[in-house]
């Protein structure tokens, strides 16, 4: 299902962005 795949992709993208932000704050 495309909708489900888009939702998963969005979740993964948000997670990656969150990790980058946390890494920036830690650095």
PDB file of N, CA and C in Angstrom:
ATOM      1  N   UNK A   1       0.853  -1.201   0.000  1.00  0.00           N
ATOM      2  CA  UNK A   1       0.000   0.000   0.000  1.00  0.00           C
ATOM      3  C   UNK A   1       0.884   1.246   0.000  1.00  0.00           C
ATOM      4  N   UNK A   2       0.667   2.134  -0.955  1.00  0.00           N
ATOM      5  CA  UNK A   2       1.496   3.332  -1.058  1.00  0.00           C
ATOM      6  C   UNK A   2       1.365   4.230   0.171  1.00  0.00           C
ATOM      7  N   UNK A   3       0.168   4.365   0.702  1.00  0.00           N
ATOM      8  CA  UNK A   3      -0.040   5.234   1.862  1.00  0.00           C
ATOM      9  C   UNK A   3       0.792   4.739   3.041  1.00  0.00           C
ATOM     10  N   UNK A   4       0.780   3.434   3.251  1.00  0.00           N
ATOM     11  CA  UNK A   4       1.550   2.874   4.368  1.00  0.00           C
ATOM     12  C   UNK A   4       3.038   3.105   4.146  1.00  0.00           C
ATOM     13  N   UNK A   5       3.482   2.887   2.906  1.00  0.00           N
ATOM     14  CA  UNK A   5       4.902   3.070   2.595  1.00  0.00           C
ATOM     15  C   UNK A   5       5.306   4.534   2.809  1.00  0.00           C
ATOM     16  N   UNK A   6       4.441   5.468   2.426  1.00  0.00           N
ATOM     17  CA  UNK A   6       4.741   6.889   2.631  1.00  0.00           C
ATOM     18  C   UNK A   6       4.836   7.196   4.122  1.00  0.00           C
ATOM     19  N   UNK A   7       3.943   6.598   4.906  1.00  0.00           N
ATOM     20  CA  UNK A   7       3.951   6.843   6.350  1.00  0.00           C
ATOM     21  C   UNK A   7       5.244   6.329   6.963  1.00  0.00           C
ATOM     22  N   UNK A   8       5.643   5.134   6.550  1.00  0.00           N
ATOM     23  CA  UNK A   8       6.890   4.556   7.072  1.00  0.00           C
ATOM     24  C   UNK A   8       8.076   5.420   6.663  1.00  0.00           C
ATOM     25  N   UNK A   9       8.094   5.866   5.418  1.00  0.00           N
ATOM     26  CA  UNK A   9       9.189   6.704   4.933  1.00  0.00           C
ATOM     27  C   UNK A   9       9.257   8.002   5.740  1.00  0.00           C
ATOM     28  N   UNK A  10       8.110   8.589   6.032  1.00  0.00           N
ATOM     29  CA  UNK A  10       8.075   9.827   6.808  1.00  0.00           C
ATOM     30  C   UNK A  10       8.608   9.587   8.215  1.00  0.00           C
ATOM     31  N   UNK A  11       8.218   8.468   8.810  1.00  0.00           N
ATOM     32  CA  UNK A  11       8.669   8.147  10.164  1.00  0.00           C
ATOM     33  C   UNK A  11      10.185   7.976  10.195  1.00  0.00           C
ATOM     34  N   UNK A  12      10.709   7.264   9.202  1.00  0.00           N
ATOM     35  CA  UNK A  12      12.158   7.044   9.138  1.00  0.00           C
ATOM     36  C   UNK A  12      12.884   8.369   8.944  1.00  0.00           C
ATOM     37  N   UNK A  13      12.348   9.212   8.046  1.00  0.00           N
ATOM     38  CA  UNK A  13      12.974  10.505   7.782  1.00  0.00           C
ATOM     39  C   UNK A  13      12.975  11.361   9.051  1.00  0.00           C
ATOM     40  N   UNK A  14      11.863  11.369   9.782  1.00  0.00           N
ATOM     41  CA  UNK A  14      11.787  12.145  11.017  1.00  0.00           C
ATOM     42  C   UNK A  14      12.788  11.627  12.034  1.00  0.00           C
ATOM     43  N   UNK A  15      12.917  10.308  12.104  1.00  0.00           N
ATOM     44  CA  UNK A  15      13.848   9.699  13.053  1.00  0.00           C
ATOM     45  C   UNK A  15      15.278  10.097  12.714  1.00  0.00           C
ATOM     46  N   UNK A  16      15.630  10.054  11.432  1.00  0.00           N
ATOM     47  CA  UNK A  16      16.979  10.423  11.017  1.00  0.00           C
ATOM     48  C   UNK A  16      17.250  11.889  11.329  1.00  0.00           C
ATOM     49  N   UNK A  17      16.280  12.746  11.073  1.00  0.00           N
ATOM     50  CA  UNK A  17      16.450  14.170  11.352  1.00  0.00           C
ATOM     51  C   UNK A  17      16.641  14.395  12.846  1.00  0.00           C
ATOM     52  N   UNK A  18      15.881  13.656  13.657  1.00  0.00           N
ATOM     53  CA  UNK A  18      15.993  13.785  15.103  1.00  0.00           C
ATOM     54  C   UNK A  18      17.389  13.382  15.562  1.00  0.00           C
ATOM     55  N   UNK A  19      17.909  12.294  15.002  1.00  0.00           N
ATOM     56  CA  UNK A  19      19.250  11.829  15.364  1.00  0.00           C
ATOM     57  C   UNK A  19      20.301  12.869  14.974  1.00  0.00           C
ATOM     58  N   UNK A  20      20.125  13.499  13.808  1.00  0.00           N
ATOM     59  CA  UNK A  20      21.074  14.522  13.369  1.00  0.00           C
ATOM     60  C   UNK A  20      21.040  15.717  14.313  1.00  0.00           C
ATOM     61  N   UNK A  21      19.837  16.117  14.729  1.00  0.00           N
ATOM     62  CA  UNK A  21      19.699  17.238  15.655  1.00  0.00           C
ATOM     63  C   UNK A  21      20.391  16.909  16.971  1.00  0.00           C
ATOM     64  N   UNK A  22      20.139  15.693  17.476  1.00  0.00           N
ATOM     65  CA  UNK A  22      20.723  15.290  18.751  1.00  0.00           C
ATOM     66  C   UNK A  22      22.246  15.258  18.642  1.00  0.00           C
ATOM     67  N   UNK A  23      22.757  14.782  17.503  1.00  0.00           N
ATOM     68  CA  UNK A  23      24.203  14.736  17.299  1.00  0.00           C
ATOM     69  C   UNK A  23      24.773  16.157  17.271  1.00  0.00           C
ATOM     70  N   UNK A  24      24.053  17.074  16.648  1.00  0.00           N
ATOM     71  CA  UNK A  24      24.505  18.459  16.572  1.00  0.00           C
ATOM     72  C   UNK A  24      24.551  19.075  17.971  1.00  0.00           C
ATOM     73  N   UNK A  25      23.523  18.804  18.778  1.00  0.00           N
ATOM     74  CA  UNK A  25      23.494  19.345  20.134  1.00  0.00           C
ATOM     75  C   UNK A  25      24.616  18.747  20.972  1.00  0.00           C
ATOM     76  N   UNK A  26      24.872  17.446  20.797  1.00  0.00           N
ATOM     77  CA  UNK A  26      25.905  16.763  21.576  1.00  0.00           C
ATOM     78  C   UNK A  26      27.291  17.279  21.184  1.00  0.00           C
ATOM     79  N   UNK A  27      27.459  17.587  19.894  1.00  0.00           N
ATOM     80  CA  UNK A  27      28.749  18.044  19.402  1.00  0.00           C
ATOM     81  C   UNK A  27      29.056  19.444  19.896  1.00  0.00           C
TER      82      UNK A  27
END
